[in-house]
Protein backbone atom coordinates (compact mmCIF):
# COMPACT_ATOMS: atom_id res chain seq x y z
CA MET A 1 3.10 17.97 16.94
CA THR A 2 1.91 21.02 15.01
CA SER A 3 -1.60 21.14 13.53
CA MET A 4 -0.15 20.38 10.08
CA GLN A 5 1.71 17.34 11.40
CA LEU A 6 -1.44 16.11 13.15
CA ALA A 7 -3.30 16.46 9.86
CA GLY A 8 -0.50 14.51 8.17
CA LEU A 9 -0.75 11.81 10.83
CA GLY A 10 -4.49 11.56 10.28
CA LEU A 11 -4.13 11.30 6.51
CA THR A 12 -1.51 8.53 6.72
CA ILE A 13 -3.85 6.64 9.06
CA VAL A 14 -6.64 7.04 6.48
CA ALA A 15 -4.24 5.73 3.82
CA GLY A 16 -3.40 2.67 5.89
CA MET A 17 -7.06 1.94 6.61
CA ALA A 18 -7.92 2.32 2.91
CA ALA A 19 -5.11 -0.11 2.04
CA GLY A 20 -6.14 -2.64 4.70
CA PHE A 21 -9.80 -2.56 3.71
CA GLY A 22 -9.01 -2.00 0.01
CA THR A 23 -9.74 -5.49 -1.28
CA ALA A 24 -12.39 -6.41 1.31
CA PRO A 25 -15.19 -6.06 -1.32
CA ILE A 26 -13.99 -9.24 -3.03
CA LYS A 27 -15.48 -11.13 -0.08
CA LEU A 28 -18.90 -10.04 -1.38
CA MET A 29 -18.36 -10.95 -5.04
CA HIS A 30 -20.07 -13.96 -6.58
CA ASN A 31 -18.99 -14.01 -10.23
CA TYR A 32 -15.76 -12.03 -10.55
CA GLY A 33 -12.42 -13.75 -10.36
CA TYR A 34 -9.15 -12.05 -9.49
CA GLU A 35 -8.60 -10.90 -13.07
CA HIS A 36 -11.95 -9.10 -13.27
CA TRP A 37 -11.85 -7.02 -10.12
CA ALA A 38 -8.13 -6.34 -10.58
CA LEU A 39 -8.71 -4.93 -14.08
CA VAL A 40 -11.69 -2.72 -13.18
CA SER A 41 -10.12 -1.40 -9.97
CA ALA A 42 -6.79 -0.64 -11.69
CA LEU A 43 -8.48 1.34 -14.46
CA THR A 44 -10.46 3.28 -11.87
CA GLY A 45 -7.87 3.87 -9.16
CA LEU A 46 -4.65 4.09 -11.14
CA LEU A 47 -5.77 5.80 -14.34
CA ILE A 48 -9.18 7.47 -14.40
CA LEU A 49 -9.29 9.06 -10.93
CA PRO A 50 -5.66 10.34 -10.73
CA TRP A 51 -5.76 11.91 -14.19
CA SER A 52 -9.24 13.37 -13.67
CA LEU A 53 -8.14 15.05 -10.43
CA ALA A 54 -4.88 16.24 -11.98
CA ALA A 55 -6.70 17.79 -14.95
CA ALA A 56 -9.27 19.41 -12.67
CA PHE A 57 -6.88 20.94 -10.11
CA CYS A 58 -3.65 21.62 -12.01
CA PRO A 59 -3.76 24.58 -14.40
CA GLY A 60 -1.22 24.35 -17.21
CA LEU A 61 -0.74 20.65 -16.51
CA GLY A 62 0.88 19.82 -19.83
CA GLU A 63 3.21 22.83 -19.77
CA ALA A 64 4.35 22.04 -16.25
CA LEU A 65 5.04 18.37 -16.92
CA ALA A 66 6.98 19.21 -20.08
CA THR A 67 9.61 21.06 -18.02
CA VAL A 68 10.49 18.04 -15.86
CA PRO A 69 13.49 15.90 -16.99
CA TRP A 70 12.53 12.53 -18.45
CA THR A 71 14.79 10.79 -15.95
CA VAL A 72 12.39 11.77 -13.16
CA TYR A 73 9.54 9.96 -14.93
CA LEU A 74 11.70 6.94 -15.67
CA LYS A 75 12.85 6.53 -12.09
CA ALA A 76 9.36 6.99 -10.68
CA ASN A 77 7.78 4.54 -13.08
CA LEU A 78 10.40 1.88 -12.45
CA TRP A 79 9.51 2.12 -8.76
CA SER A 80 5.80 1.92 -9.51
CA LEU A 81 6.46 -1.05 -11.81
CA THR A 82 7.89 -2.98 -8.84
CA TRP A 83 4.79 -2.04 -6.85
CA GLY A 84 2.63 -3.27 -9.73
CA VAL A 85 4.33 -6.66 -9.48
CA ALA A 86 3.68 -6.65 -5.72
CA ASN A 87 0.02 -5.82 -6.30
CA VAL A 88 -0.44 -8.81 -8.61
CA LEU A 89 1.35 -11.14 -6.20
CA ALA A 90 -0.69 -9.85 -3.26
CA GLY A 91 -3.95 -10.48 -5.13
CA LEU A 92 -2.93 -14.10 -5.67
CA CYS A 93 -1.85 -14.49 -2.04
CA LEU A 94 -5.19 -13.27 -0.69
CA ILE A 95 -6.75 -16.39 -2.20
CA ARG A 96 -4.02 -18.73 -0.98
CA ILE A 97 -3.41 -17.62 2.61
CA GLY A 98 -6.14 -15.06 3.42
CA PHE A 99 -6.26 -11.37 4.26
CA SER A 100 -4.67 -11.40 7.69
CA LEU A 101 -1.50 -13.25 6.84
CA THR A 102 -1.02 -11.75 3.36
CA ILE A 103 -1.16 -8.13 4.54
CA GLY A 104 0.80 -8.96 7.68
CA LEU A 105 3.68 -10.39 5.66
CA LEU A 106 3.52 -7.64 3.04
CA THR A 107 3.83 -4.93 5.64
CA GLY A 108 6.30 -6.82 7.79
CA VAL A 109 8.78 -7.26 4.96
CA GLY A 110 8.20 -3.84 3.40
CA LEU A 111 8.15 -1.90 6.68
CA PRO A 112 11.89 -1.80 7.46
CA VAL A 113 12.75 -1.06 3.82
CA GLY A 114 10.20 1.73 3.47
CA VAL A 115 10.97 3.33 6.84
CA LEU A 116 14.75 3.06 7.01
CA LEU A 117 15.93 3.41 3.40
CA PRO A 118 14.82 7.08 2.96
CA MET A 119 16.99 7.94 5.96
CA LEU A 120 20.00 6.43 4.20
CA PHE A 121 19.26 7.61 0.65
CA LYS A 122 17.43 10.91 0.88
CA GLY A 123 14.38 11.59 -1.25
CA SER A 124 13.53 14.65 -3.35
CA GLY A 125 12.09 18.00 -2.27
CA GLN A 126 11.53 18.33 1.46
CA PHE A 127 12.45 14.68 1.98
CA ALA A 128 16.06 15.59 1.21
CA GLU A 129 16.11 16.95 4.79
CA THR A 130 15.08 13.64 6.38
CA PRO A 131 17.10 12.90 9.56
CA SER A 132 19.90 10.38 9.19
CA LEU A 133 19.34 6.78 10.18
CA PHE A 134 22.23 7.25 12.61
CA SER A 135 20.58 10.19 14.37
CA ARG A 136 18.54 9.90 17.57
CA THR A 137 15.31 10.01 15.55
CA GLY A 138 16.62 7.33 13.22
CA ALA A 139 17.51 5.08 16.16
CA VAL A 140 14.03 5.48 17.67
CA LEU A 141 12.36 4.60 14.37
CA ALA A 142 14.67 1.58 13.97
CA VAL A 143 13.66 0.27 17.42
CA LEU A 144 9.96 0.78 16.69
CA THR A 145 10.41 -0.99 13.37
CA LEU A 146 11.91 -3.98 15.20
CA LEU A 147 8.88 -4.01 17.49
CA LEU A 148 6.57 -4.12 14.49
CA LEU A 149 8.63 -6.88 12.91
CA ALA A 150 8.16 -8.93 16.10
CA ALA A 151 4.42 -8.43 15.66
CA VAL A 152 4.61 -9.69 12.09
CA ALA A 153 6.59 -12.75 13.17
CA LEU A 154 3.76 -13.56 15.58
CA MET A 155 1.20 -13.06 12.80
CA THR A 156 3.09 -15.48 10.60
CA ARG A 157 3.19 -18.07 13.37
CA ALA A 158 -0.50 -17.56 14.03
CA GLY A 159 -1.19 -18.08 10.33
CA PHE A 160 0.55 -21.46 10.39
CA GLU A 161 -1.40 -22.42 13.50
CA ARG A 162 -4.65 -21.36 11.88
CA GLU A 163 -3.95 -23.40 8.75
CA GLN A 164 -3.01 -26.50 10.71
CA SER A 165 -6.02 -26.25 13.02
CA GLN A 166 -8.55 -26.37 10.16
CA PRO A 167 -10.17 -29.82 9.83
CA GLY A 168 -8.45 -31.88 7.15
CA ARG A 169 -5.95 -29.17 6.32
CA SER A 170 -2.24 -28.58 6.84
CA ALA A 171 0.27 -25.96 5.82
CA GLY A 172 0.91 -27.62 2.46
CA ASN A 173 2.48 -26.49 -0.80
CA ARG A 174 -0.30 -24.03 -1.66
CA PHE A 175 0.07 -22.33 1.70
CA ARG A 176 3.88 -22.25 1.53
CA THR A 177 3.76 -20.85 -1.99
CA GLY A 178 1.47 -18.10 -0.70
CA LEU A 179 3.98 -17.27 2.02
CA ILE A 180 6.88 -17.05 -0.44
CA LEU A 181 4.90 -14.85 -2.82
CA SER A 182 3.84 -12.59 0.06
CA ILE A 183 7.44 -12.10 1.17
CA LEU A 184 8.52 -11.27 -2.40
CA ALA A 185 5.60 -8.87 -2.72
CA GLY A 186 6.64 -7.25 0.56
CA PHE A 187 9.99 -6.22 -0.88
CA CYS A 188 8.40 -4.93 -4.09
CA GLN A 189 5.47 -3.06 -2.53
CA VAL A 190 7.66 -0.21 -1.20
CA GLY A 191 7.85 0.92 -4.84
CA LEU A 192 4.59 2.84 -4.38
CA SER A 193 6.05 4.98 -1.61
CA PHE A 194 9.43 5.38 -3.30
CA ALA A 195 7.83 6.46 -6.59
CA PHE A 196 6.46 9.44 -4.66
CA VAL A 197 9.36 10.09 -2.27
CA TYR A 198 12.07 10.13 -4.94
CA SER A 199 10.18 12.07 -7.64
CA GLN A 200 7.74 14.51 -6.05
CA GLY A 201 10.27 17.33 -5.53
CA PRO A 202 10.81 18.45 -9.15
CA LEU A 203 7.26 17.52 -10.14
CA MET A 204 5.65 19.53 -7.34
CA ALA A 205 7.87 22.53 -8.09
CA ALA A 206 6.94 22.51 -11.79
CA LEU A 207 3.21 22.10 -11.12
CA GLN A 208 3.10 24.81 -8.45
CA THR A 209 4.83 27.23 -10.83
CA GLN A 210 1.70 26.96 -12.98
CA GLY A 211 -0.58 27.65 -9.99
CA ALA A 212 -1.42 24.16 -8.72
CA SER A 213 -2.20 23.73 -5.02
CA ASP A 214 -0.31 21.16 -2.94
CA SER A 215 -3.18 18.65 -3.10
CA GLY A 216 -3.73 19.19 -6.81
CA ALA A 217 -0.03 18.78 -7.53
CA ILE A 218 0.08 15.56 -5.52
CA ALA A 219 -2.76 14.13 -7.62
CA ALA A 220 -0.73 14.94 -10.74
CA VAL A 221 2.41 13.38 -9.25
CA TRP A 222 0.53 10.11 -8.81
CA ALA A 223 -0.95 10.35 -12.31
CA VAL A 224 2.47 10.51 -13.98
CA THR A 225 4.26 8.05 -11.69
CA LEU A 226 1.69 5.23 -11.88
CA PRO A 227 1.86 4.11 -15.55
CA GLY A 228 4.60 1.60 -14.71
CA GLY A 229 2.44 -0.05 -12.07
CA LEU A 230 -0.63 0.26 -14.27
CA LEU A 231 1.12 -1.70 -17.02
CA VAL A 232 1.35 -4.77 -14.77
CA ASN A 233 -2.03 -4.29 -13.09
CA LEU A 234 -3.77 -4.22 -16.48
CA GLY A 235 -1.57 -6.59 -18.43
CA TYR A 236 -1.78 -9.62 -16.16
CA PRO A 237 -5.59 -9.56 -15.68
CA LEU A 238 -6.11 -9.11 -19.43
CA TRP A 239 -3.82 -12.08 -20.09
CA LEU A 240 -5.78 -14.20 -17.60
CA MET A 241 -9.13 -13.25 -19.12
CA ARG A 242 -7.89 -14.09 -22.60
CA ARG A 243 -6.49 -17.39 -21.39
CA ARG A 244 -9.72 -18.30 -19.57
CA ASN A 245 -12.02 -16.69 -22.14
CA SER A 246 -13.86 -14.93 -19.32
CA PHE A 247 -14.39 -11.41 -20.70
CA ALA A 248 -18.18 -11.82 -20.53
CA VAL A 249 -18.02 -12.02 -16.72
CA LEU A 250 -17.05 -8.32 -16.64
CA PHE A 251 -20.68 -7.40 -17.30
CA HIS A 252 -21.89 -8.71 -13.94
CA VAL A 253 -23.08 -5.37 -12.53
CA PRO A 254 -22.95 -5.98 -8.74
CA ASP A 255 -19.36 -7.23 -8.87
CA PHE A 256 -18.43 -4.42 -11.27
CA LEU A 257 -19.69 -1.84 -8.77
CA LEU A 258 -17.78 -3.52 -5.93
CA SER A 259 -14.65 -3.34 -8.09
CA LEU A 260 -15.19 0.40 -8.52
CA VAL A 261 -15.17 0.66 -4.73
CA ILE A 262 -11.78 -1.07 -4.66
CA GLY A 263 -10.48 1.41 -7.24
CA GLY A 264 -11.81 4.32 -5.22
CA LEU A 265 -10.10 3.05 -2.06
CA CYS A 266 -6.86 2.65 -4.02
CA ALA A 267 -7.01 6.28 -5.16
CA THR A 268 -7.89 7.34 -1.61
CA LEU A 269 -4.87 5.61 -0.14
CA MET A 270 -2.48 7.23 -2.63
CA LEU A 271 -3.84 10.76 -2.24
CA SER A 272 -4.02 10.43 1.55
CA MET A 273 -0.53 8.98 1.79
CA GLY A 274 1.01 11.63 -0.48
CA ASN A 275 -0.65 14.53 1.34
CA GLY A 276 0.05 12.97 4.72
CA MET A 277 3.75 12.51 3.98
CA ARG A 278 4.02 16.12 2.81
CA LEU A 279 2.31 17.51 5.91
CA LEU A 280 4.50 15.45 8.24
CA GLY A 281 7.51 17.38 6.97
CA PRO A 282 11.02 16.11 6.22
CA LEU A 283 10.46 12.97 8.28
CA GLY A 284 7.28 12.19 6.35
CA ALA A 285 8.96 9.78 3.92
CA SER A 286 9.88 7.40 6.75
CA LEU A 287 7.37 8.20 9.47
CA GLY A 288 4.44 8.47 7.06
CA PHE A 289 5.22 5.12 5.49
CA GLY A 290 5.57 3.47 8.90
CA ILE A 291 2.21 4.74 10.14
CA TYR A 292 0.53 3.89 6.85
CA GLN A 293 1.84 0.33 6.97
CA THR A 294 0.94 -0.11 10.63
CA PHE A 295 -2.70 0.80 10.11
CA GLN A 296 -2.80 -1.33 7.00
CA ILE A 297 -1.92 -4.29 9.24
CA LEU A 298 -4.61 -3.39 11.78
CA ALA A 299 -7.30 -2.88 9.14
CA SER A 300 -6.47 -6.14 7.38
CA GLN A 301 -6.73 -8.06 10.66
CA GLY A 302 -10.19 -6.54 11.10
CA VAL A 303 -11.18 -7.79 7.65
CA GLY A 304 -9.83 -11.24 8.46
CA VAL A 305 -11.75 -11.47 11.73
CA LEU A 306 -15.02 -10.10 10.33
CA SER A 307 -14.90 -12.44 7.33
CA GLY A 308 -14.43 -15.51 9.53
CA GLU A 309 -10.81 -16.36 8.70
CA TRP A 310 -10.08 -17.07 12.37
CA ARG A 311 -13.28 -18.96 13.16
CA ASN A 312 -12.74 -22.46 14.60
CA THR A 313 -8.97 -21.95 14.88
CA SER A 314 -6.90 -23.02 17.86
CA LEU A 315 -6.77 -20.91 21.01
CA ARG A 316 -2.99 -20.62 20.63
CA ALA A 317 -3.35 -19.15 17.13
CA ARG A 318 -5.92 -16.60 18.30
CA LEU A 319 -3.78 -15.60 21.28
CA ALA A 320 -0.71 -15.15 19.06
CA MET A 321 -2.67 -12.93 16.67
CA THR A 322 -4.11 -10.91 19.57
CA LEU A 323 -0.63 -10.32 20.97
CA ALA A 324 0.63 -9.37 17.50
CA VAL A 325 -2.13 -6.78 17.13
CA MET A 326 -1.30 -5.34 20.57
CA LEU A 327 2.38 -5.01 19.63
CA THR A 328 1.37 -3.37 16.36
CA MET A 329 -0.76 -0.83 18.20
CA ALA A 330 2.15 -0.10 20.56
CA GLY A 331 4.42 0.47 17.57
CA ALA A 332 1.85 2.77 15.98
CA ALA A 333 1.56 4.81 19.18
CA GLY A 334 5.33 5.12 19.37
CA MET A 335 5.63 6.30 15.78
CA ALA A 336 2.89 8.87 16.34
CA MET A 337 5.04 10.46 19.06
CA VAL A 338 8.31 10.58 17.10
CA LYS A 339 9.49 14.13 16.44
């Protein structure tokens, strides 16, 4: 790998870690419900930070964006809308089935879609040169994706074992509903990557014409592609707060500050993923997404272990999860070596 590709690899790893640890602060909250931290973090990570960075680092921002066809914005925001739905579903699943299993299923379902689809339907800009799925590189990535899917299958099995091994508990309707919602969210969550992959070409070109750097332009790309996802991530929490009459809870300062951390991690993952994909070159759409998702799995398992999700579970469940993590690490190592 070149130095630029190594930097891209590092940034996609940072993105995955930020995603895996992204909602860990809710473990420390005492007053906030889902609707409160979801609202504050969405405003911070999807609106305030992206637009602030875009305004700061993109000269002639308005003039540049005015030259881009409206269809680019529409396509990007439809993708981010699907990701917004996934984000809401994932937040609900964290409560139902825990960090480890939720993120494992999200990434397991989304991984093959996010890695393989850009090799069938090429993205914009440099991603238009992505190798074909039927090339040697495509075949290697397909095999590694299968390996990671095997890891996710083990995680799912371990999750059932964990649920059944808890005193007085079984994998009942609440748990099964969480699984179904996680799988649905897995299909939708690739919208975040696709919003970038299929729109950044014309947007980056327009922004760089006005003197924006690569990193500054990427911040602006996220700013204009996220309103679709923001609509869901703000609308649903506001509806819940109105329904539960819980607006006053927002003023609990410690939980508010923890929610700002979640928003900051969200912005970090997007900026790191976008820059990482760009630095990885034409293969960045597929390879970058695969590495990002893999480290999201690993980070989320760390959160699950540290927060006690696997305490007092059966030995078989713990062994299955350990083997799943080992397979995930093997898949990550393989992807890091793909050229």
